[in-house]
Amino acid sequence: MADDLSKSQIAALKTIMLERQAGLKALDEEAAGWSDTVELDQQSVGRLSRMDAMQQQEMARAEARRRTSDLARIDIALKRIDEDEYGWCAECGEPIAYKRLEIDPAAALCVTCAR
């Protein structure tokens, strides 16, 4: 645990991450059908409507990839908490500023290494 982080600060950040994790998982369940295959039947769906549906489908896939990435980052941060590694930069080993962790509780790098 980083020297400048108290147990209560880490607990608060962990709570934020667990809430974010639950929200992302709920979105995953809700969005399950958003990237389904677009119908090819030109009679029922016009060309522009189909193109719009395909664009929305790709946007849904990109959003799903972002959620998957965010969930993985949160899982890693929670594991770091369990291993008393949380709050330390994974690259240089220096403490990560609390203000940075407030903005992104799953951050694994200090500001200097993140640049």
N, C-alpha and C. Protein backbone atom coordinates (compact mmCIF):
# COMPACT_ATOMS: atom_id res chain seq x y z
N MET A 1 0.84 -1.16 0.00
CA MET A 1 0.00 0.00 0.00
C MET A 1 0.89 1.23 0.00
N ALA A 2 0.57 2.21 -0.84
CA ALA A 2 1.38 3.42 -0.93
C ALA A 2 1.32 4.19 0.38
N ASP A 3 2.45 4.79 0.74
CA ASP A 3 2.56 5.51 2.00
C ASP A 3 1.54 6.64 2.14
N ASP A 4 1.22 7.31 1.05
CA ASP A 4 0.33 8.45 1.15
C ASP A 4 -1.15 8.08 1.08
N LEU A 5 -1.48 6.79 1.00
CA LEU A 5 -2.87 6.35 0.98
C LEU A 5 -3.23 5.71 2.31
N SER A 6 -4.32 6.19 2.91
CA SER A 6 -4.78 5.57 4.15
C SER A 6 -5.68 4.39 3.80
N LYS A 7 -5.94 3.56 4.79
CA LYS A 7 -6.83 2.40 4.56
C LYS A 7 -8.22 2.87 4.19
N SER A 8 -8.67 3.98 4.78
CA SER A 8 -10.01 4.48 4.46
C SER A 8 -10.07 5.01 3.02
N GLN A 9 -8.99 5.63 2.54
CA GLN A 9 -8.95 6.10 1.16
C GLN A 9 -8.99 4.92 0.20
N ILE A 10 -8.23 3.90 0.51
CA ILE A 10 -8.22 2.70 -0.34
C ILE A 10 -9.59 2.03 -0.32
N ALA A 11 -10.22 1.97 0.84
CA ALA A 11 -11.55 1.37 0.94
C ALA A 11 -12.56 2.16 0.10
N ALA A 12 -12.46 3.49 0.15
CA ALA A 12 -13.37 4.33 -0.64
C ALA A 12 -13.14 4.11 -2.14
N LEU A 13 -11.88 4.04 -2.55
CA LEU A 13 -11.58 3.81 -3.96
C LEU A 13 -12.03 2.41 -4.40
N LYS A 14 -11.89 1.44 -3.52
CA LYS A 14 -12.34 0.08 -3.83
C LYS A 14 -13.86 0.06 -4.02
N THR A 15 -14.57 0.78 -3.17
CA THR A 15 -16.02 0.86 -3.30
C THR A 15 -16.41 1.46 -4.65
N ILE A 16 -15.72 2.53 -5.04
CA ILE A 16 -15.99 3.15 -6.33
C ILE A 16 -15.76 2.15 -7.46
N MET A 17 -14.66 1.40 -7.38
CA MET A 17 -14.36 0.42 -8.43
C MET A 17 -15.40 -0.70 -8.47
N LEU A 18 -15.84 -1.17 -7.31
CA LEU A 18 -16.84 -2.24 -7.27
C LEU A 18 -18.17 -1.76 -7.84
N GLU A 19 -18.54 -0.51 -7.55
CA GLU A 19 -19.77 0.05 -8.11
C GLU A 19 -19.66 0.19 -9.63
N ARG A 20 -18.51 0.66 -10.09
CA ARG A 20 -18.28 0.82 -11.53
C ARG A 20 -18.30 -0.55 -12.21
N GLN A 21 -17.70 -1.55 -11.57
CA GLN A 21 -17.68 -2.91 -12.10
C GLN A 21 -19.10 -3.44 -12.25
N ALA A 22 -19.92 -3.26 -11.22
CA ALA A 22 -21.31 -3.72 -11.27
C ALA A 22 -22.08 -3.02 -12.39
N GLY A 23 -21.85 -1.71 -12.55
CA GLY A 23 -22.51 -0.96 -13.61
C GLY A 23 -22.11 -1.44 -14.99
N LEU A 24 -20.82 -1.70 -15.18
CA LEU A 24 -20.34 -2.19 -16.48
C LEU A 24 -20.89 -3.56 -16.80
N LYS A 25 -20.97 -4.43 -15.79
CA LYS A 25 -21.53 -5.76 -16.01
C LYS A 25 -23.02 -5.68 -16.36
N ALA A 26 -23.74 -4.77 -15.72
CA ALA A 26 -25.16 -4.58 -16.03
C ALA A 26 -25.33 -4.07 -17.46
N LEU A 27 -24.46 -3.15 -17.88
CA LEU A 27 -24.51 -2.67 -19.26
C LEU A 27 -24.22 -3.78 -20.25
N ASP A 28 -23.28 -4.66 -19.91
CA ASP A 28 -22.97 -5.80 -20.78
C ASP A 28 -24.20 -6.67 -21.00
N GLU A 29 -24.93 -6.93 -19.92
CA GLU A 29 -26.13 -7.75 -20.03
C GLU A 29 -27.20 -7.04 -20.86
N GLU A 30 -27.36 -5.75 -20.63
CA GLU A 30 -28.37 -4.97 -21.36
C GLU A 30 -28.03 -4.88 -22.85
N ALA A 31 -26.75 -4.77 -23.16
CA ALA A 31 -26.31 -4.55 -24.54
C ALA A 31 -26.08 -5.84 -25.31
N ALA A 32 -26.44 -6.96 -24.76
CA ALA A 32 -26.12 -8.25 -25.39
C ALA A 32 -26.59 -8.33 -26.84
N GLY A 33 -27.72 -7.79 -27.19
CA GLY A 33 -28.24 -7.90 -28.54
C GLY A 33 -27.94 -6.73 -29.45
N TRP A 34 -27.27 -5.72 -28.94
CA TRP A 34 -27.03 -4.51 -29.72
C TRP A 34 -26.13 -4.73 -30.92
N SER A 35 -25.30 -5.73 -30.90
CA SER A 35 -24.38 -5.93 -32.03
C SER A 35 -24.78 -7.12 -32.89
N ASP A 36 -26.06 -7.51 -32.81
CA ASP A 36 -26.54 -8.61 -33.64
C ASP A 36 -26.39 -8.25 -35.12
N THR A 37 -26.37 -9.28 -35.96
CA THR A 37 -26.21 -9.10 -37.40
C THR A 37 -27.36 -8.28 -37.97
N VAL A 38 -27.01 -7.36 -38.87
CA VAL A 38 -28.01 -6.51 -39.52
C VAL A 38 -28.64 -7.30 -40.67
N GLU A 39 -29.97 -7.19 -40.77
CA GLU A 39 -30.72 -7.87 -41.82
C GLU A 39 -30.24 -7.45 -43.21
N LEU A 40 -30.15 -8.40 -44.13
CA LEU A 40 -29.75 -8.11 -45.50
C LEU A 40 -30.94 -7.85 -46.41
N ASP A 41 -32.15 -8.05 -45.93
CA ASP A 41 -33.36 -7.90 -46.74
C ASP A 41 -33.55 -6.43 -47.11
N GLN A 42 -33.25 -6.08 -48.36
CA GLN A 42 -33.38 -4.70 -48.83
C GLN A 42 -34.84 -4.27 -48.96
N GLN A 43 -35.77 -5.23 -48.99
CA GLN A 43 -37.18 -4.90 -49.12
C GLN A 43 -37.73 -4.32 -47.81
N SER A 44 -37.27 -4.85 -46.67
CA SER A 44 -37.81 -4.39 -45.39
C SER A 44 -37.00 -3.24 -44.78
N VAL A 45 -35.73 -3.14 -45.18
CA VAL A 45 -34.88 -2.08 -44.65
C VAL A 45 -34.20 -1.39 -45.81
N GLY A 46 -34.37 -0.09 -45.91
CA GLY A 46 -33.74 0.66 -46.98
C GLY A 46 -32.23 0.67 -46.83
N ARG A 47 -31.55 1.04 -47.92
CA ARG A 47 -30.09 1.03 -47.92
C ARG A 47 -29.51 1.95 -46.84
N LEU A 48 -30.03 3.18 -46.73
CA LEU A 48 -29.53 4.11 -45.73
C LEU A 48 -29.84 3.64 -44.32
N SER A 49 -31.02 3.08 -44.13
CA SER A 49 -31.39 2.55 -42.82
C SER A 49 -30.46 1.41 -42.43
N ARG A 50 -30.14 0.56 -43.41
CA ARG A 50 -29.24 -0.56 -43.15
C ARG A 50 -27.84 -0.06 -42.82
N MET A 51 -27.37 0.96 -43.56
CA MET A 51 -26.05 1.53 -43.27
C MET A 51 -26.02 2.14 -41.87
N ASP A 52 -27.10 2.81 -41.50
CA ASP A 52 -27.19 3.38 -40.16
C ASP A 52 -27.17 2.28 -39.11
N ALA A 53 -27.89 1.20 -39.38
CA ALA A 53 -27.92 0.07 -38.44
C ALA A 53 -26.53 -0.56 -38.31
N MET A 54 -25.82 -0.65 -39.43
CA MET A 54 -24.46 -1.22 -39.39
C MET A 54 -23.51 -0.31 -38.60
N GLN A 55 -23.67 1.00 -38.76
CA GLN A 55 -22.84 1.93 -37.99
C GLN A 55 -23.15 1.80 -36.50
N GLN A 56 -24.41 1.73 -36.14
CA GLN A 56 -24.79 1.56 -34.74
C GLN A 56 -24.26 0.24 -34.19
N GLN A 57 -24.29 -0.80 -35.02
CA GLN A 57 -23.77 -2.10 -34.62
C GLN A 57 -22.28 -2.00 -34.31
N GLU A 58 -21.52 -1.34 -35.15
CA GLU A 58 -20.08 -1.20 -34.93
C GLU A 58 -19.80 -0.34 -33.70
N MET A 59 -20.61 0.69 -33.48
CA MET A 59 -20.45 1.51 -32.29
C MET A 59 -20.73 0.68 -31.03
N ALA A 60 -21.72 -0.20 -31.10
CA ALA A 60 -22.03 -1.07 -29.97
C ALA A 60 -20.87 -2.03 -29.70
N ARG A 61 -20.24 -2.53 -30.76
CA ARG A 61 -19.08 -3.41 -30.58
C ARG A 61 -17.91 -2.66 -29.95
N ALA A 62 -17.67 -1.43 -30.40
CA ALA A 62 -16.58 -0.62 -29.83
C ALA A 62 -16.85 -0.34 -28.36
N GLU A 63 -18.08 -0.04 -28.03
CA GLU A 63 -18.45 0.21 -26.63
C GLU A 63 -18.26 -1.06 -25.79
N ALA A 64 -18.58 -2.20 -26.35
CA ALA A 64 -18.39 -3.47 -25.64
C ALA A 64 -16.91 -3.73 -25.39
N ARG A 65 -16.06 -3.41 -26.37
CA ARG A 65 -14.61 -3.57 -26.18
C ARG A 65 -14.11 -2.64 -25.08
N ARG A 66 -14.62 -1.41 -25.03
CA ARG A 66 -14.22 -0.46 -24.00
C ARG A 66 -14.65 -0.96 -22.62
N ARG A 67 -15.87 -1.49 -22.53
CA ARG A 67 -16.34 -2.03 -21.24
C ARG A 67 -15.48 -3.21 -20.80
N THR A 68 -15.13 -4.08 -21.74
CA THR A 68 -14.27 -5.23 -21.42
C THR A 68 -12.92 -4.76 -20.90
N SER A 69 -12.36 -3.76 -21.55
CA SER A 69 -11.07 -3.21 -21.13
C SER A 69 -11.17 -2.58 -19.74
N ASP A 70 -12.23 -1.81 -19.51
CA ASP A 70 -12.43 -1.18 -18.20
C ASP A 70 -12.59 -2.24 -17.10
N LEU A 71 -13.34 -3.29 -17.40
CA LEU A 71 -13.52 -4.36 -16.41
C LEU A 71 -12.20 -5.04 -16.09
N ALA A 72 -11.38 -5.26 -17.09
CA ALA A 72 -10.07 -5.88 -16.87
C ALA A 72 -9.18 -4.98 -16.01
N ARG A 73 -9.19 -3.67 -16.27
CA ARG A 73 -8.40 -2.74 -15.47
C ARG A 73 -8.86 -2.74 -14.01
N ILE A 74 -10.18 -2.78 -13.82
CA ILE A 74 -10.72 -2.80 -12.46
C ILE A 74 -10.33 -4.09 -11.76
N ASP A 75 -10.43 -5.22 -12.46
CA ASP A 75 -10.04 -6.51 -11.87
C ASP A 75 -8.58 -6.49 -11.43
N ILE A 76 -7.72 -5.93 -12.26
CA ILE A 76 -6.29 -5.85 -11.93
C ILE A 76 -6.09 -4.96 -10.70
N ALA A 77 -6.78 -3.82 -10.65
CA ALA A 77 -6.63 -2.91 -9.51
C ALA A 77 -7.12 -3.56 -8.22
N LEU A 78 -8.24 -4.29 -8.29
CA LEU A 78 -8.75 -4.98 -7.10
C LEU A 78 -7.78 -6.05 -6.63
N LYS A 79 -7.16 -6.73 -7.58
CA LYS A 79 -6.15 -7.74 -7.23
C LYS A 79 -4.95 -7.07 -6.56
N ARG A 80 -4.56 -5.90 -7.08
CA ARG A 80 -3.44 -5.16 -6.47
C ARG A 80 -3.77 -4.74 -5.04
N ILE A 81 -5.04 -4.41 -4.77
CA ILE A 81 -5.44 -4.07 -3.41
C ILE A 81 -5.27 -5.29 -2.51
N ASP A 82 -5.74 -6.44 -2.98
CA ASP A 82 -5.64 -7.67 -2.19
C ASP A 82 -4.18 -8.05 -1.91
N GLU A 83 -3.29 -7.69 -2.82
CA GLU A 83 -1.87 -8.04 -2.68
C GLU A 83 -1.04 -6.92 -2.05
N ASP A 84 -1.71 -5.88 -1.54
CA ASP A 84 -1.03 -4.70 -0.97
C ASP A 84 -0.07 -4.03 -1.94
N GLU A 85 -0.40 -4.06 -3.21
CA GLU A 85 0.40 -3.42 -4.25
C GLU A 85 -0.28 -2.16 -4.78
N TYR A 86 -1.50 -1.93 -4.34
CA TYR A 86 -2.30 -0.82 -4.86
C TYR A 86 -1.71 0.52 -4.43
N GLY A 87 -1.72 1.46 -5.36
CA GLY A 87 -1.23 2.79 -5.06
C GLY A 87 0.21 3.02 -5.47
N TRP A 88 0.87 1.96 -5.92
CA TRP A 88 2.25 2.06 -6.39
C TRP A 88 2.26 1.92 -7.90
N CYS A 89 3.08 2.70 -8.56
CA CYS A 89 3.21 2.65 -10.02
C CYS A 89 3.77 1.30 -10.45
N ALA A 90 3.11 0.68 -11.39
CA ALA A 90 3.54 -0.63 -11.90
C ALA A 90 4.82 -0.52 -12.72
N GLU A 91 5.16 0.68 -13.16
CA GLU A 91 6.35 0.86 -13.99
C GLU A 91 7.57 1.26 -13.17
N CYS A 92 7.45 2.36 -12.39
CA CYS A 92 8.63 2.89 -11.69
C CYS A 92 8.64 2.56 -10.19
N GLY A 93 7.52 2.10 -9.66
CA GLY A 93 7.45 1.72 -8.25
C GLY A 93 7.20 2.87 -7.29
N GLU A 94 7.05 4.08 -7.83
CA GLU A 94 6.77 5.24 -6.98
C GLU A 94 5.28 5.28 -6.63
N PRO A 95 4.93 5.96 -5.54
CA PRO A 95 3.50 6.07 -5.19
C PRO A 95 2.71 6.83 -6.26
N ILE A 96 1.49 6.41 -6.47
CA ILE A 96 0.58 7.11 -7.38
C ILE A 96 -0.18 8.13 -6.52
N ALA A 97 -0.24 9.36 -6.98
CA ALA A 97 -0.91 10.42 -6.23
C ALA A 97 -2.38 10.09 -6.01
N TYR A 98 -2.86 10.38 -4.81
CA TYR A 98 -4.27 10.11 -4.49
C TYR A 98 -5.20 10.85 -5.45
N LYS A 99 -4.85 12.07 -5.82
CA LYS A 99 -5.70 12.84 -6.75
C LYS A 99 -5.86 12.08 -8.07
N ARG A 100 -4.80 11.43 -8.53
CA ARG A 100 -4.88 10.64 -9.77
C ARG A 100 -5.81 9.45 -9.56
N LEU A 101 -5.69 8.80 -8.42
CA LEU A 101 -6.54 7.64 -8.15
C LEU A 101 -8.00 8.05 -7.95
N GLU A 102 -8.24 9.26 -7.46
CA GLU A 102 -9.62 9.75 -7.35
C GLU A 102 -10.25 9.87 -8.74
N ILE A 103 -9.45 10.33 -9.70
CA ILE A 103 -9.94 10.49 -11.07
C ILE A 103 -10.11 9.13 -11.75
N ASP A 104 -9.13 8.26 -11.57
CA ASP A 104 -9.14 6.92 -12.17
C ASP A 104 -8.65 5.91 -11.15
N PRO A 105 -9.56 5.36 -10.33
CA PRO A 105 -9.14 4.42 -9.28
C PRO A 105 -8.42 3.18 -9.80
N ALA A 106 -8.58 2.86 -11.07
CA ALA A 106 -7.92 1.67 -11.63
C ALA A 106 -6.57 1.99 -12.25
N ALA A 107 -6.10 3.23 -12.09
CA ALA A 107 -4.81 3.62 -12.67
C ALA A 107 -3.69 2.77 -12.07
N ALA A 108 -2.84 2.27 -12.95
CA ALA A 108 -1.70 1.44 -12.51
C ALA A 108 -0.39 2.17 -12.66
N LEU A 109 -0.41 3.36 -13.28
CA LEU A 109 0.80 4.12 -13.52
C LEU A 109 0.69 5.51 -12.91
N CYS A 110 1.81 6.03 -12.44
CA CYS A 110 1.85 7.40 -11.97
C CYS A 110 1.74 8.33 -13.19
N VAL A 111 1.54 9.62 -12.94
CA VAL A 111 1.38 10.57 -14.04
C VAL A 111 2.61 10.57 -14.96
N THR A 112 3.79 10.53 -14.37
CA THR A 112 5.02 10.59 -15.15
C THR A 112 5.12 9.38 -16.09
N CYS A 113 4.86 8.19 -15.61
CA CYS A 113 4.99 6.99 -16.44
C CYS A 113 3.83 6.86 -17.43
N ALA A 114 2.69 7.46 -17.12
CA ALA A 114 1.54 7.37 -18.02
C ALA A 114 1.71 8.24 -19.26
N ARG A 115 2.64 9.19 -19.20
CA ARG A 115 2.84 10.10 -20.34
C ARG A 115 3.54 9.44 -21.45
